[in-house]
Amino acid sequence: MLGSGVVLSPRRCGSLTHARPYISGIVGIRILGSPTSVGSSPRDSLGPRQIFTFTHPPLPSALITEAVHGATMALASAHPRSSVPPGAWAMLGRTDLEASTCWDFPTQSDGHPRAGDASFNGVTPARCAGNLVRRYSRPGQLVIDPMSGSGTIGDVARALGRRAISFDLVPRRRELIRADARAWPIPNGIAALAVIDSPYSDNIAYGNDPRCLGRISCRDPRFYEEMRRVAIEAQRVLFPGGILAWIIADEYRGGVYTPAGFRLMDVLSETFEPIDTIVLVRHHDRSASPMWEHRARRFNFYLRGFKFLFILRKPVGELGG
């Protein structure tokens, strides 16, 4: 017996006649390829491999529909070196949760076609929001989107069974609340997750309101002072252990590089515990054209290819307020 639910099997993937039935888990494992024996195949001589037999009851419905994600995870079992049984992913249930720190979502609405507005400048990818909501909140818990833009984050949160409050200084939909991200209209310590996709500098005109944070350059120290005020509000509203997810990008303009992401992380680390940093691949930016690529090579600079997604936690010992 190797831990709970794991039994050494004398056969490759055969059923076990003496193992206890388990509701879920791995019930068969065999190590192949070490040492090489006479008559063994080259595949078995490449090193130890594990052959698993999974027993998992079928889910009442797929987590992610076939039409949306197809067989993305089943590709693993088709690989010639794979040791995953062909039906393993179907038994375990599909999932679109990202497993690495590089997230690449080519379209804005993939998986959530009714979330947000793909034409909005700087819109958050719906699958990015979905990953955050599913990882860091539970059904029924509260998710806050204090710079809501076109409302993608709140739309995704509600579609996944969470409660959501979305507000913006310049709301673009009737159901969005008009409020300043530096003064959240929410009581202390009640939210599980806050997702902030803030302005990165003053390169996009979000509205004519002089209070708009997108009117301050990231080269100006005031930019980070105002973002600190937003972070303090997040710290107040999240319950202990709650998660703050913040999206931002660096800037290269007029021959000057500004590491806005690193500077913001320094600010956020004053009141939050960093968990990890995700790289969000950028798509369909205005600079993604042959002309700008030619300029980047000729004048020896780089186009912005990614955004930062900082994941931080409110310390458990803090109550906020």
Foldseek 3Di string as FASTA:
>chain_A
DPPPQEDEDPDQADDDDPDDDDQWDWNYWDWFQPDDDPPDDPLRVPGTDIATHIDHDADPDAPADCVQVNPVVLVQVVDPNHRYPNCPCRRVGDDPADDDQEDEDQAQQRRNVPAFDRPFVQHHRLVVLLNCLVVFHDAAFEEEEEAQRRNRNCSSNVVRRYHYAAEHCDDPDPRHHRDHLLDDPAAFARHQEYEYEAAQALPDDPDDPPVHLNNHGLVDPVSLVSVLSSLLVVLGHHHAFHKYKYKYAWDQPPNDTGRSVVVNVVSNVVFWAWDDKHKYFDYDDPCPDPVNVVVCVVVVHDDGGTMIITMTTGHNVDRHD
